[in-house]
Amino acid sequence: MSGDASTPEQDQTVEPITTPVESEGTAAESVSASTAADPSVRLQQLEQELQTLKQEHDALQSQYMRIAADFDNFRKRQSRDQDDMRQQLVCSTLTNILPVVDNFERARQQLNPEGEEAQALHRSYQGLYKQLVEVLKQQGVARMEVVGQEFDPTLHEAVLREESHDHPEDVVTEELQRGYHLNGRVLRHAMVKVSMGPGPIADADAASAPTVDADPSQSEQS
């Protein structure tokens, strides 16, 4: 065997292997090169990205506005509910105090103290009564003035109805229990007596009353 003879292993040649990664890199480089070569394509891509960002911004802005509006409505509702609850507690407390005021007023109307000791006691509880009324005024409680007013079911509670020659129909003639306002709202309805008008007897009397004749002088001339 001569020295120039080659073995089968030596006859095999090594060929370069092209991997997919290298192919993708080459394609991306070619796209980048084409984009760089054409500015209009790059500008179009930037405009599309800008439009996408604007849409995302508008969506987030709209979502933020809805959340802010919902929170503001929730805050207002909570504040209104707290005010209503506070008002209900105040009304409940003051309503329980009003019977005490009624008892003071009844005692003042019915009692006629005689003697120095009785008068001193009378002045003492009247001082307490005035102090209690002053506290109610500071809380916004005010008395209703109902006598002579037209009956209003939102303010008055009709306990009795009777005929009256002094008041027309549906007019309050007497206050049986005092009513009160609290800052413009009804704290307690006034119990009242309401007029029914003069009644059927008065109407019959008015109908049967004699009519005034004509001037007698005119009848004589005729």
Protein backbone atom coordinates (compact mmCIF):
# COMPACT_ATOMS: atom_id res chain seq x y z
CA MET A 1 0.00 0.00 0.00
CA SER A 2 1.43 3.37 -0.95
CA GLY A 3 1.48 6.38 1.38
CA ASP A 4 -0.94 8.39 -0.84
CA ALA A 5 -3.83 6.07 -0.24
CA SER A 6 -6.67 7.65 1.77
CA THR A 7 -8.93 5.98 4.24
CA PRO A 8 -12.73 6.16 4.07
CA GLU A 9 -12.73 8.40 7.09
CA GLN A 10 -10.47 10.88 5.33
CA ASP A 11 -12.74 10.93 2.25
CA GLN A 12 -15.72 12.24 4.26
CA THR A 13 -16.08 16.03 4.10
CA VAL A 14 -17.70 18.13 6.86
CA GLU A 15 -20.59 20.27 5.63
CA PRO A 16 -21.83 23.34 7.59
CA ILE A 17 -25.19 22.89 9.35
CA THR A 18 -27.61 25.78 9.28
CA THR A 19 -29.81 25.88 12.45
CA PRO A 20 -33.33 27.38 12.58
CA VAL A 21 -32.11 30.02 15.04
CA GLU A 22 -29.59 31.26 12.59
CA SER A 23 -32.27 31.34 9.88
CA GLU A 24 -34.66 33.36 12.06
CA GLY A 25 -31.91 35.77 12.98
CA THR A 26 -31.06 36.23 9.38
CA ALA A 27 -34.74 36.89 8.52
CA ALA A 28 -35.11 39.46 11.33
CA GLU A 29 -31.96 41.17 10.23
CA SER A 30 -33.26 41.32 6.70
CA VAL A 31 -36.62 42.82 7.93
CA SER A 32 -34.79 45.36 10.06
CA ALA A 33 -32.60 46.24 7.17
CA SER A 34 -35.62 46.68 4.92
CA THR A 35 -37.40 48.80 7.55
CA ALA A 36 -34.37 50.97 8.03
CA ALA A 37 -34.14 51.30 4.33
CA ASP A 38 -37.83 52.43 4.12
CA PRO A 39 -38.68 55.19 6.70
CA SER A 40 -42.34 55.22 5.72
CA VAL A 41 -42.80 51.67 6.96
CA ARG A 42 -41.21 52.57 10.31
CA LEU A 43 -43.41 55.64 10.55
CA GLN A 44 -46.51 53.55 9.93
CA GLN A 45 -45.49 51.14 12.68
CA LEU A 46 -44.98 54.01 15.12
CA GLU A 47 -48.39 55.45 14.25
CA GLN A 48 -50.02 52.08 14.90
CA GLU A 49 -48.26 51.79 18.25
CA LEU A 50 -49.33 55.34 19.13
CA GLN A 51 -52.94 54.57 18.21
CA THR A 52 -52.86 51.44 20.37
CA LEU A 53 -51.47 53.41 23.32
CA LYS A 54 -54.16 56.07 22.88
CA GLN A 55 -56.89 53.44 22.95
CA GLU A 56 -55.43 51.89 26.09
CA HIS A 57 -55.17 55.34 27.69
CA ASP A 58 -58.80 56.17 26.82
CA ALA A 59 -59.98 52.85 28.25
CA LEU A 60 -58.06 53.38 31.50
CA GLN A 61 -59.28 56.98 31.72
CA SER A 62 -62.89 55.88 31.27
CA GLN A 63 -62.46 53.17 33.91
CA TYR A 64 -60.94 55.68 36.31
CA MET A 65 -63.80 58.13 35.78
CA ARG A 66 -66.40 55.41 36.48
CA ILE A 67 -64.61 54.33 39.65
CA ALA A 68 -64.29 57.95 40.82
CA ALA A 69 -68.00 58.59 40.17
CA ASP A 70 -69.00 55.41 42.00
CA PHE A 71 -66.85 56.36 44.98
CA ASP A 72 -68.30 59.88 45.06
CA ASN A 73 -71.85 58.50 45.00
CA PHE A 74 -70.95 56.05 47.76
CA ARG A 75 -69.49 58.86 49.88
CA LYS A 76 -72.58 61.03 49.42
CA ARG A 77 -74.90 58.11 50.20
CA GLN A 78 -72.95 57.32 53.36
CA SER A 79 -73.08 60.94 54.47
CA ARG A 80 -76.82 61.14 53.78
CA ASP A 81 -77.47 57.90 55.65
CA GLN A 82 -75.47 59.16 58.63
CA ASP A 83 -77.41 62.43 58.66
CA ASP A 84 -80.72 60.57 58.50
CA MET A 85 -79.70 58.26 61.33
CA ARG A 86 -78.55 61.19 63.43
CA GLN A 87 -81.83 63.01 62.75
CA GLN A 88 -83.86 59.93 63.68
CA LEU A 89 -81.98 59.59 66.98
CA VAL A 90 -82.56 63.26 67.79
CA CYS A 91 -86.27 63.01 66.91
CA SER A 92 -86.67 59.88 69.02
CA THR A 93 -85.00 61.49 72.02
CA LEU A 94 -86.93 64.74 71.78
CA THR A 95 -90.23 62.92 71.26
CA ASN A 96 -89.68 61.11 74.56
CA ILE A 97 -89.09 64.46 76.29
CA LEU A 98 -92.26 66.15 75.00
CA PRO A 99 -94.63 64.37 77.46
CA VAL A 100 -92.61 65.89 80.30
CA VAL A 101 -93.21 69.32 78.78
CA ASP A 102 -96.93 68.51 78.53
CA ASN A 103 -97.05 67.62 82.23
CA PHE A 104 -95.37 70.90 83.17
CA GLU A 105 -97.93 72.83 81.12
CA ARG A 106 -100.88 70.96 82.66
CA ALA A 107 -99.54 71.59 86.15
CA ARG A 108 -99.15 75.30 85.41
CA GLN A 109 -102.75 75.54 84.16
CA GLN A 110 -104.37 73.49 86.92
CA LEU A 111 -102.46 74.51 90.05
CA ASN A 112 -103.21 77.72 91.88
CA PRO A 113 -100.65 77.85 94.69
CA GLU A 114 -101.63 79.67 97.84
CA GLY A 115 -99.22 80.58 100.54
CA GLU A 116 -95.56 81.47 100.41
CA GLU A 117 -94.30 77.88 100.48
CA ALA A 118 -96.61 76.74 97.69
CA GLN A 119 -95.69 79.72 95.55
CA ALA A 120 -91.98 79.08 96.11
CA LEU A 121 -92.44 75.50 94.95
CA HIS A 122 -94.47 76.70 91.98
CA ARG A 123 -91.71 79.11 90.94
CA SER A 124 -89.13 76.35 91.34
CA TYR A 125 -90.69 73.87 88.92
CA GLN A 126 -91.68 76.66 86.56
CA GLY A 127 -88.00 77.57 86.41
CA LEU A 128 -87.22 73.97 85.47
CA TYR A 129 -89.94 74.12 82.82
CA LYS A 130 -88.52 77.28 81.27
CA GLN A 131 -85.04 75.75 81.26
CA LEU A 132 -86.34 72.64 79.50
CA VAL A 133 -88.17 74.72 76.89
CA GLU A 134 -85.01 76.74 76.27
CA VAL A 135 -83.01 73.56 75.67
CA LEU A 136 -85.63 72.39 73.16
CA LYS A 137 -85.43 75.72 71.34
CA GLN A 138 -81.66 75.40 71.08
CA GLN A 139 -82.14 72.01 69.42
CA GLY A 140 -84.46 73.55 66.81
CA VAL A 141 -87.80 72.56 68.36
CA ALA A 142 -90.65 75.03 67.78
CA ARG A 143 -94.33 74.99 68.73
CA MET A 144 -97.13 74.86 66.18
CA GLU A 145 -99.75 77.57 66.09
CA VAL A 146 -102.90 75.74 64.99
CA VAL A 147 -106.03 77.47 66.30
CA GLY A 148 -107.81 79.28 63.48
CA GLN A 149 -105.73 77.50 60.83
CA GLU A 150 -107.21 75.32 58.12
CA PHE A 151 -106.97 71.64 58.96
CA ASP A 152 -103.87 70.04 57.45
CA PRO A 153 -103.46 66.26 57.86
CA THR A 154 -99.69 66.59 57.50
CA LEU A 155 -99.60 68.80 60.61
CA HIS A 156 -102.76 68.03 62.58
CA GLU A 157 -104.50 64.98 63.96
CA ALA A 158 -108.26 65.53 64.17
CA VAL A 159 -109.59 64.03 67.42
CA LEU A 160 -113.01 65.72 67.44
CA ARG A 161 -115.25 67.41 64.91
CA GLU A 162 -118.11 69.64 66.03
CA GLU A 163 -120.44 72.26 64.69
CA SER A 164 -119.34 75.85 65.07
CA HIS A 165 -121.00 79.17 64.35
CA ASP A 166 -117.73 81.04 64.76
CA HIS A 167 -115.52 79.06 62.36
CA PRO A 168 -116.13 77.72 58.85
CA GLU A 169 -115.78 74.07 57.99
CA ASP A 170 -112.38 72.36 58.30
CA VAL A 171 -110.88 75.02 60.54
CA VAL A 172 -109.12 74.12 63.80
CA THR A 173 -111.14 75.46 66.71
CA GLU A 174 -109.18 74.09 69.67
CA GLU A 175 -105.80 72.55 70.41
CA LEU A 176 -106.02 69.43 72.57
CA GLN A 177 -102.33 68.56 72.52
CA ARG A 178 -99.58 70.84 71.31
CA GLY A 179 -97.68 69.94 68.15
CA TYR A 180 -94.01 70.63 67.48
CA HIS A 181 -91.64 71.20 64.56
CA LEU A 182 -87.98 70.23 64.44
CA ASN A 183 -86.03 72.33 61.95
CA GLY A 184 -89.04 72.51 59.65
CA ARG A 185 -89.98 68.83 60.03
CA VAL A 186 -92.97 67.59 62.01
CA LEU A 187 -91.75 66.25 65.34
CA ARG A 188 -95.23 65.59 66.72
CA HIS A 189 -98.64 66.20 65.15
CA ALA A 190 -101.00 68.49 67.00
CA MET A 191 -104.19 66.90 68.31
CA VAL A 192 -107.00 69.29 67.45
CA LYS A 193 -110.72 69.84 67.34
CA VAL A 194 -112.03 70.73 63.88
CA SER A 195 -115.12 72.71 62.92
CA MET A 196 -117.88 71.16 60.85
CA GLY A 197 -119.39 74.52 60.05
CA PRO A 198 -122.70 75.91 61.39
CA GLY A 199 -124.50 72.62 60.81
CA PRO A 200 -127.81 71.69 59.13
CA ILE A 201 -129.97 73.53 61.70
CA ALA A 202 -128.32 76.85 60.96
CA ASP A 203 -128.66 76.21 57.26
CA ALA A 204 -132.37 75.47 57.67
CA ASP A 205 -132.87 78.61 59.74
CA ALA A 206 -131.14 80.68 57.08
CA ALA A 207 -133.31 79.15 54.38
CA SER A 208 -136.54 79.74 56.34
CA ALA A 209 -135.73 83.35 57.22
CA PRO A 210 -138.31 85.77 55.74
CA THR A 211 -137.25 87.67 52.70
CA VAL A 212 -137.22 91.44 52.73
CA ASP A 213 -140.24 92.88 50.92
CA ALA A 214 -139.99 95.62 48.39
CA ASP A 215 -140.31 99.27 49.39
CA PRO A 216 -143.86 99.82 50.75
CA SER A 217 -144.02 103.21 49.05
CA GLN A 218 -143.60 101.51 45.70
CA SER A 219 -146.45 99.10 46.46
CA GLU A 220 -148.76 101.94 47.49
CA GLN A 221 -148.00 103.87 44.30
CA SER A 222 -148.90 100.84 42.27
